[in-house]
N, C-alpha and C. Protein backbone atom coordinates (compact mmCIF):
# COMPACT_ATOMS: atom_id res chain seq x y z
N MET A 1 -20.95 19.59 0.53
CA MET A 1 -21.58 18.08 1.31
C MET A 1 -20.36 16.84 1.04
N ALA A 2 -19.66 17.11 -0.67
CA ALA A 2 -18.45 16.32 -0.38
C ALA A 2 -16.91 16.53 0.69
N ARG A 3 -16.93 17.96 1.31
CA ARG A 3 -16.01 18.09 2.41
C ARG A 3 -16.38 17.53 3.08
N GLU A 4 -17.76 17.70 3.96
CA GLU A 4 -18.24 16.78 5.21
C GLU A 4 -18.02 15.42 4.86
N ALA A 5 -18.07 14.37 4.23
CA ALA A 5 -18.03 13.28 3.71
C ALA A 5 -16.10 12.92 3.96
N ARG A 6 -15.48 14.21 3.37
CA ARG A 6 -13.81 13.67 3.79
C ARG A 6 -13.93 13.85 4.86
N ASP A 7 -14.02 14.78 5.47
CA ASP A 7 -13.80 14.97 6.92
C ASP A 7 -13.99 14.11 7.90
N GLY A 8 -15.54 13.72 7.70
CA GLY A 8 -15.88 12.43 8.25
C GLY A 8 -14.97 11.02 8.34
N TYR A 9 -14.70 11.01 6.85
CA TYR A 9 -13.60 9.69 6.68
C TYR A 9 -12.67 9.93 7.31
N ALA A 10 -11.67 11.37 7.30
CA ALA A 10 -10.39 11.55 7.60
C ALA A 10 -10.43 11.49 9.38
N ALA A 11 -11.30 11.67 9.82
CA ALA A 11 -11.68 11.65 11.02
C ALA A 11 -12.24 10.24 11.76
N SER A 12 -12.49 9.34 10.82
CA SER A 12 -12.82 7.80 11.71
C SER A 12 -11.11 7.10 11.12
N ARG A 13 -10.76 7.56 10.14
CA ARG A 13 -9.43 6.88 9.79
C ARG A 13 -8.11 7.43 11.46
N ARG A 14 -8.39 8.73 11.64
CA ARG A 14 -7.46 9.33 12.42
C ARG A 14 -7.79 8.28 13.66
N ARG A 15 -8.90 8.20 14.17
CA ARG A 15 -9.42 7.20 15.15
C ARG A 15 -9.10 5.82 15.23
N ILE A 16 -8.97 5.06 14.06
CA ILE A 16 -8.38 3.45 13.97
C ILE A 16 -6.73 3.97 13.83
N MET A 17 -6.42 4.40 13.51
CA MET A 17 -4.71 5.14 13.56
C MET A 17 -4.38 5.27 15.05
N GLN A 18 -5.14 5.87 16.13
CA GLN A 18 -4.67 6.21 17.45
C GLN A 18 -5.24 5.39 18.19
N GLY A 19 -6.13 4.55 17.64
CA GLY A 19 -6.48 2.82 18.25
C GLY A 19 -5.45 2.25 18.36
N TRP A 20 -4.84 2.20 16.91
CA TRP A 20 -3.51 1.34 17.31
C TRP A 20 -2.50 1.35 18.12
N VAL A 21 -2.21 2.78 18.06
CA VAL A 21 -1.25 3.44 18.80
C VAL A 21 -1.72 3.21 20.59
N ASP A 22 -2.74 3.53 21.04
CA ASP A 22 -3.09 3.37 22.10
C ASP A 22 -3.07 1.72 22.74
N ALA A 23 -3.17 0.80 21.53
CA ALA A 23 -3.31 -0.78 21.80
C ALA A 23 -1.81 -1.17 21.68
N ASN A 24 -0.89 -0.10 21.93
CA ASN A 24 0.38 -0.56 21.50
C ASN A 24 0.47 -1.93 20.35
N VAL A 25 -0.43 -1.79 19.41
CA VAL A 25 0.23 -2.36 18.05
C VAL A 25 1.43 -2.21 17.33
N ARG A 26 2.34 -3.26 17.29
CA ARG A 26 3.69 -2.86 16.83
C ARG A 26 3.46 -2.46 15.41
N ASN A 27 3.00 -3.29 14.19
CA ASN A 27 3.33 -3.33 13.28
C ASN A 27 1.90 -3.80 12.21
N ALA A 28 0.86 -3.02 12.70
CA ALA A 28 -0.25 -2.94 11.49
C ALA A 28 -0.01 -2.89 10.43
N VAL A 29 -1.06 -3.68 9.84
CA VAL A 29 -1.03 -3.69 8.18
C VAL A 29 -2.41 -3.67 7.82
N VAL A 30 -2.49 -3.11 6.59
CA VAL A 30 -3.42 -2.94 6.10
C VAL A 30 -3.39 -3.72 4.31
N LEU A 31 -4.18 -4.33 4.18
CA LEU A 31 -4.48 -5.22 3.30
C LEU A 31 -5.60 -4.83 2.26
N THR A 32 -5.50 -4.11 1.04
CA THR A 32 -6.67 -3.19 0.33
C THR A 32 -6.59 -3.76 -1.35
N GLY A 33 -7.44 -4.09 -1.69
CA GLY A 33 -7.58 -4.66 -3.02
C GLY A 33 -8.48 -4.11 -4.02
N ASP A 34 -8.48 -4.25 -5.30
CA ASP A 34 -8.50 -3.67 -6.10
C ASP A 34 -9.26 -2.26 -6.47
N VAL A 35 -8.11 -1.78 -6.70
CA VAL A 35 -8.28 -0.35 -7.19
C VAL A 35 -7.52 -0.23 -8.72
N HIS A 36 -7.18 -1.36 -9.29
CA HIS A 36 -6.75 -1.32 -10.78
C HIS A 36 -5.21 -0.63 -10.40
N ARG A 37 -4.80 -0.68 -9.86
CA ARG A 37 -3.30 -0.13 -9.16
C ARG A 37 -2.76 -0.99 -8.14
N ASN A 38 -1.34 -1.04 -7.91
CA ASN A 38 -0.65 -1.34 -6.80
C ASN A 38 -0.23 -0.11 -6.26
N TRP A 39 0.20 0.02 -4.73
CA TRP A 39 0.29 0.62 -3.93
C TRP A 39 1.07 -0.17 -2.85
N ALA A 40 1.98 0.72 -2.54
CA ALA A 40 2.51 0.45 -1.21
C ALA A 40 2.80 1.76 -0.26
N ASN A 41 2.19 1.73 0.61
CA ASN A 41 2.31 3.31 1.56
C ASN A 41 2.56 2.76 3.10
N ASP A 42 3.57 3.85 3.79
CA ASP A 42 3.30 4.23 5.21
C ASP A 42 1.98 4.74 5.54
N VAL A 43 1.80 4.06 6.94
CA VAL A 43 0.05 4.52 7.38
C VAL A 43 0.57 5.63 8.66
N LYS A 44 -0.06 7.00 8.84
CA LYS A 44 0.31 7.82 9.45
C LYS A 44 -0.87 8.33 10.16
N VAL A 45 -0.83 8.36 11.61
CA VAL A 45 -1.91 8.97 12.21
C VAL A 45 -2.66 10.78 11.82
N ASP A 46 -1.72 11.29 11.12
CA ASP A 46 -1.84 12.90 10.91
C ASP A 46 -1.20 12.96 9.88
N TYR A 47 -1.17 12.89 8.87
CA TYR A 47 -0.75 13.06 7.29
C TYR A 47 -0.62 14.29 7.10
N LYS A 48 -0.99 15.17 7.62
CA LYS A 48 -0.99 16.76 7.55
C LYS A 48 0.51 17.21 8.30
N ASP A 49 0.30 16.16 9.37
CA ASP A 49 1.86 16.73 10.00
C ASP A 49 3.11 15.71 9.47
N PRO A 50 4.08 16.45 9.02
CA PRO A 50 5.40 15.68 8.34
C PRO A 50 5.89 15.03 9.34
N ALA A 51 5.82 15.25 10.59
CA ALA A 51 6.61 14.69 11.83
C ALA A 51 5.83 13.80 12.51
N SER A 52 4.52 13.37 12.15
CA SER A 52 3.72 12.32 12.67
C SER A 52 4.36 10.96 12.27
N PRO A 53 4.24 10.05 13.67
CA PRO A 53 5.08 8.96 13.34
C PRO A 53 4.18 7.79 12.25
N VAL A 54 4.76 7.04 11.76
CA VAL A 54 4.48 6.17 10.90
C VAL A 54 4.02 4.94 12.32
N VAL A 55 2.43 4.75 11.86
CA VAL A 55 2.44 3.20 12.72
C VAL A 55 1.59 2.25 12.06
N GLY A 56 1.92 1.78 10.70
CA GLY A 56 1.48 1.01 10.24
C GLY A 56 1.73 0.93 8.60
N SER A 57 1.44 -0.21 8.22
CA SER A 57 1.81 -0.34 6.21
C SER A 57 0.27 -0.31 5.75
N GLU A 58 0.34 0.09 4.65
CA GLU A 58 -0.55 -0.66 3.47
C GLU A 58 -0.27 -1.25 2.32
N LEU A 59 -0.75 -1.93 1.99
CA LEU A 59 -0.15 -2.85 0.53
C LEU A 59 -1.61 -2.79 0.03
N VAL A 60 -1.46 -2.42 -1.13
CA VAL A 60 -2.73 -2.25 -2.09
C VAL A 60 -2.48 -3.26 -3.44
N CYS A 61 -3.53 -3.99 -3.71
CA CYS A 61 -3.38 -4.92 -4.68
C CYS A 61 -3.93 -4.31 -6.02
N THR A 62 -3.83 -4.56 -7.48
CA THR A 62 -4.80 -4.54 -8.41
C THR A 62 -5.53 -6.10 -8.32
N SER A 63 -5.82 -6.31 -9.35
CA SER A 63 -6.60 -7.70 -9.62
C SER A 63 -5.56 -8.06 -10.82
N ILE A 64 -5.77 -9.35 -10.76
CA ILE A 64 -4.98 -9.98 -12.24
C ILE A 64 -5.98 -10.05 -12.97
N THR A 65 -7.03 -9.96 -12.98
CA THR A 65 -8.16 -9.89 -14.22
C THR A 65 -8.91 -9.10 -14.52
N SER A 66 -8.54 -7.93 -14.40
CA SER A 66 -8.74 -6.76 -14.77
C SER A 66 -8.84 -6.37 -16.00
N THR A 67 -9.33 -5.67 -16.74
CA THR A 67 -9.07 -5.41 -17.94
C THR A 67 -7.66 -4.05 -18.25
N GLY A 68 -7.41 -4.92 -19.56
CA GLY A 68 -5.98 -3.24 -19.49
C GLY A 68 -4.63 -3.51 -19.15
N ASN A 69 -3.24 -3.40 -19.50
CA ASN A 69 -2.40 -4.22 -19.50
C ASN A 69 -1.97 -3.22 -18.19
N GLY A 70 -2.16 -1.90 -18.57
CA GLY A 70 -1.41 -1.11 -17.95
C GLY A 70 -0.22 -0.37 -18.25
N SER A 71 0.80 0.57 -17.93
CA SER A 71 1.98 1.25 -18.93
C SER A 71 2.81 0.57 -18.14
N GLY A 72 3.32 -0.09 -17.10
CA GLY A 72 4.58 -0.60 -16.15
C GLY A 72 4.97 0.73 -15.60
N SER A 73 4.19 1.90 -15.51
CA SER A 73 4.74 2.85 -14.86
C SER A 73 4.79 2.63 -13.26
N THR A 74 6.55 3.03 -12.45
CA THR A 74 6.13 3.22 -10.78
C THR A 74 6.17 4.35 -10.37
N THR A 75 5.76 5.21 -11.16
CA THR A 75 5.72 6.54 -10.99
C THR A 75 4.34 7.61 -11.06
N ASP A 76 4.18 8.33 -10.23
CA ASP A 76 2.77 9.10 -10.09
C ASP A 76 2.89 10.41 -9.62
N PRO A 77 2.38 11.66 -10.28
CA PRO A 77 2.46 12.69 -9.77
C PRO A 77 2.45 13.05 -8.26
N VAL A 78 1.74 12.20 -7.99
CA VAL A 78 1.25 12.32 -6.06
C VAL A 78 2.28 12.16 -5.36
N MET A 79 3.05 11.00 -5.71
CA MET A 79 4.01 10.55 -4.95
C MET A 79 4.56 12.06 -4.22
N ALA A 80 4.97 12.95 -5.19
CA ALA A 80 5.94 14.01 -5.05
C ALA A 80 5.27 14.98 -3.62
N TRP A 81 3.55 14.96 -3.47
CA TRP A 81 2.99 15.73 -2.64
C TRP A 81 2.88 14.93 -1.62
N ASN A 82 2.90 13.42 -1.64
CA ASN A 82 2.99 12.17 -0.48
C ASN A 82 3.86 11.54 0.08
N PRO A 83 5.00 11.77 0.76
CA PRO A 83 6.20 11.40 0.81
C PRO A 83 5.81 9.75 1.06
N HIS A 84 4.61 9.82 2.12
CA HIS A 84 4.24 8.30 2.58
C HIS A 84 3.96 7.01 1.76
N LEU A 85 3.62 7.75 0.32
CA LEU A 85 3.65 6.78 -1.11
C LEU A 85 4.94 6.14 -1.26
N LYS A 86 5.14 5.19 -1.02
CA LYS A 86 6.51 4.13 -1.32
C LYS A 86 6.30 3.31 -2.77
N PHE A 87 5.55 3.06 -3.39
CA PHE A 87 5.52 2.37 -4.46
C PHE A 87 3.94 2.67 -5.03
N THR A 88 4.02 2.56 -6.51
CA THR A 88 2.94 2.58 -7.43
C THR A 88 3.12 1.90 -8.59
N ASN A 89 2.23 1.29 -9.34
CA ASN A 89 2.24 0.57 -10.59
C ASN A 89 0.69 -0.02 -11.04
N ASP A 90 0.52 0.33 -12.56
CA ASP A 90 -0.77 -0.05 -12.99
C ASP A 90 -0.84 -1.56 -13.80
N ASN A 91 0.18 -2.31 -13.47
CA ASN A 91 0.37 -3.42 -14.44
C ASN A 91 -0.83 -4.58 -13.47
N ARG A 92 -1.22 -5.50 -13.85
CA ARG A 92 -2.13 -6.36 -13.03
C ARG A 92 -1.03 -7.19 -12.53
N GLY A 93 -1.80 -7.58 -11.54
CA GLY A 93 -1.01 -8.68 -10.46
C GLY A 93 -1.44 -9.06 -9.25
N TYR A 94 -0.64 -9.23 -8.45
CA TYR A 94 -1.13 -9.74 -6.94
C TYR A 94 0.23 -9.20 -5.94
N VAL A 95 -0.07 -9.27 -4.84
CA VAL A 95 0.72 -8.95 -3.81
C VAL A 95 1.22 -10.67 -3.17
N ASN A 96 2.23 -11.30 -3.00
CA ASN A 96 2.95 -12.59 -2.35
C ASN A 96 3.34 -12.03 -0.56
N THR A 97 2.58 -12.50 -0.38
CA THR A 97 3.36 -12.25 1.18
C THR A 97 3.78 -13.46 1.80
N ARG A 98 4.86 -13.40 2.64
CA ARG A 98 5.48 -14.19 3.82
C ARG A 98 5.97 -13.91 4.79
N ILE A 99 5.61 -14.00 6.15
CA ILE A 99 5.53 -14.05 7.45
C ILE A 99 6.28 -15.08 8.03
N THR A 100 7.48 -14.32 8.86
CA THR A 100 7.83 -15.24 9.76
C THR A 100 8.14 -14.31 11.12
N LYS A 101 8.93 -14.90 12.27
CA LYS A 101 8.68 -14.22 13.61
C LYS A 101 9.14 -12.94 13.82
N ASP A 102 10.12 -12.64 12.75
CA ASP A 102 10.30 -11.71 12.61
C ASP A 102 10.32 -10.75 11.70
N ALA A 103 9.15 -10.75 10.59
CA ALA A 103 9.09 -10.13 9.58
C ALA A 103 8.09 -10.42 8.51
N MET A 104 7.51 -9.25 7.54
CA MET A 104 6.37 -9.87 7.17
C MET A 104 7.29 -9.10 5.78
N THR A 105 6.97 -9.73 4.82
CA THR A 105 7.77 -9.58 3.08
C THR A 105 6.56 -9.73 2.28
N ALA A 106 6.40 -8.29 1.22
CA ALA A 106 5.47 -8.33 0.56
C ALA A 106 6.56 -8.35 -1.24
N ASP A 107 5.70 -9.08 -2.07
CA ASP A 107 6.52 -8.98 -3.17
C ASP A 107 5.18 -8.74 -4.40
N PHE A 108 5.36 -7.27 -4.88
CA PHE A 108 4.55 -7.18 -5.79
C PHE A 108 4.88 -7.89 -7.02
N ARG A 109 3.97 -8.71 -7.81
CA ARG A 109 4.39 -9.90 -8.52
C ARG A 109 3.46 -9.33 -9.66
N THR A 110 3.75 -8.92 -10.74
CA THR A 110 3.28 -8.02 -12.10
C THR A 110 3.37 -9.28 -13.33
N LEU A 111 2.30 -8.77 -14.11
CA LEU A 111 2.25 -9.18 -15.64
C LEU A 111 2.72 -8.32 -16.21
N ASP A 112 3.33 -8.14 -17.48
CA ASP A 112 3.79 -6.80 -18.43
C ASP A 112 2.17 -7.08 -19.76
N TYR A 113 1.37 -7.86 -19.79
CA TYR A 113 0.28 -7.99 -20.45
C TYR A 113 -0.71 -9.17 -19.46
N VAL A 114 -1.96 -8.43 -19.85
CA VAL A 114 -3.03 -9.51 -19.69
C VAL A 114 -3.87 -10.09 -21.05
N THR A 115 -3.70 -9.08 -22.02
CA THR A 115 -4.50 -9.13 -22.50
C THR A 115 -4.48 -10.30 -24.29
N THR A 116 -3.50 -11.26 -23.73
CA THR A 116 -3.06 -12.29 -24.62
C THR A 116 -2.91 -13.22 -23.82
N PRO A 117 -2.51 -14.56 -23.74
CA PRO A 117 -2.28 -15.57 -22.92
C PRO A 117 -0.29 -15.15 -22.79
N GLY A 118 -0.19 -15.78 -21.91
CA GLY A 118 1.36 -16.33 -21.95
C GLY A 118 2.75 -15.48 -21.15
N ALA A 119 2.09 -14.29 -20.40
CA ALA A 119 2.73 -12.94 -20.27
C ALA A 119 3.76 -13.99 -18.58
N PRO A 120 4.72 -13.60 -18.88
CA PRO A 120 5.68 -14.23 -17.96
C PRO A 120 5.14 -13.09 -16.42
N VAL A 121 5.32 -14.04 -15.41
CA VAL A 121 5.27 -13.21 -13.86
C VAL A 121 6.96 -12.51 -13.34
N SER A 122 6.61 -11.22 -13.35
CA SER A 122 7.95 -10.29 -12.31
C SER A 122 7.73 -10.07 -11.17
N THR A 123 8.70 -9.89 -10.48
CA THR A 123 8.44 -9.03 -9.43
C THR A 123 8.67 -7.55 -9.33
N LYS A 124 7.91 -6.87 -9.61
CA LYS A 124 8.29 -5.20 -9.82
C LYS A 124 8.50 -4.46 -8.70
N ALA A 125 8.06 -4.89 -7.19
CA ALA A 125 8.95 -4.02 -5.95
C ALA A 125 8.42 -5.17 -4.99
N SER A 126 9.49 -5.13 -4.12
CA SER A 126 9.45 -5.96 -2.44
C SER A 126 9.73 -4.82 -1.40
N PHE A 127 9.12 -5.27 -0.38
CA PHE A 127 9.36 -4.52 0.69
C PHE A 127 9.21 -5.48 2.04
N ALA A 128 9.75 -5.33 2.90
CA ALA A 128 9.61 -5.95 4.64
C ALA A 128 9.18 -5.01 5.30
N ILE A 129 8.25 -5.76 6.31
CA ILE A 129 7.69 -5.04 7.32
C ILE A 129 8.15 -5.68 8.60
N ARG A 130 9.23 -4.87 9.74
CA ARG A 130 9.82 -5.77 10.49
C ARG A 130 9.58 -5.70 12.01
N ASP A 131 9.60 -6.74 12.72
CA ASP A 131 8.61 -6.51 13.83
C ASP A 131 9.25 -5.14 14.24
N GLY A 132 8.73 -4.65 15.60
CA GLY A 132 9.10 -3.82 16.03
C GLY A 132 8.93 -2.13 15.43
N VAL A 133 9.36 -2.50 13.90
CA VAL A 133 9.59 -1.19 13.31
C VAL A 133 8.74 -1.11 12.28
N PRO A 134 7.73 0.20 12.85
CA PRO A 134 6.54 0.45 11.59
C PRO A 134 6.98 1.20 10.47
N GLY A 135 6.29 0.52 9.21
CA GLY A 135 6.32 1.20 7.97
C GLY A 135 7.34 0.14 7.46
N LEU A 136 7.42 0.73 5.82
CA LEU A 136 7.74 -0.30 4.82
C LEU A 136 9.05 -0.10 4.75
N GLN A 137 10.06 -1.39 4.59
CA GLN A 137 11.62 -1.05 4.00
C GLN A 137 12.00 -1.91 3.23
């Protein structure tokens, strides 16, 4: 049963991504949140094909109010098997975005700790999504 659910999800995801391609969407951006981690990913129509083109970007943000400080790590073993994953981190924080006519920039702003007041905010990673250039730069 679980296999069918994943297959159905993958088929739906491929249809959405192919829809972007068919509609000539230049820079699709997916904003997702609270999985208790930060992620930045290139989006592909077919992840099983390493030559599949990048058709968009995904920015995933943790909640700033979730409990636990996180370790601060910016590596995860799954990154070795998934080259489209460009960034991961488990600190609490938010994504600050700015949009101009030429690009969208995304700064992953994090706190080293949330269990006590007073943590300074810092930028853990920054990306640009340029007009007409799909994927994270």
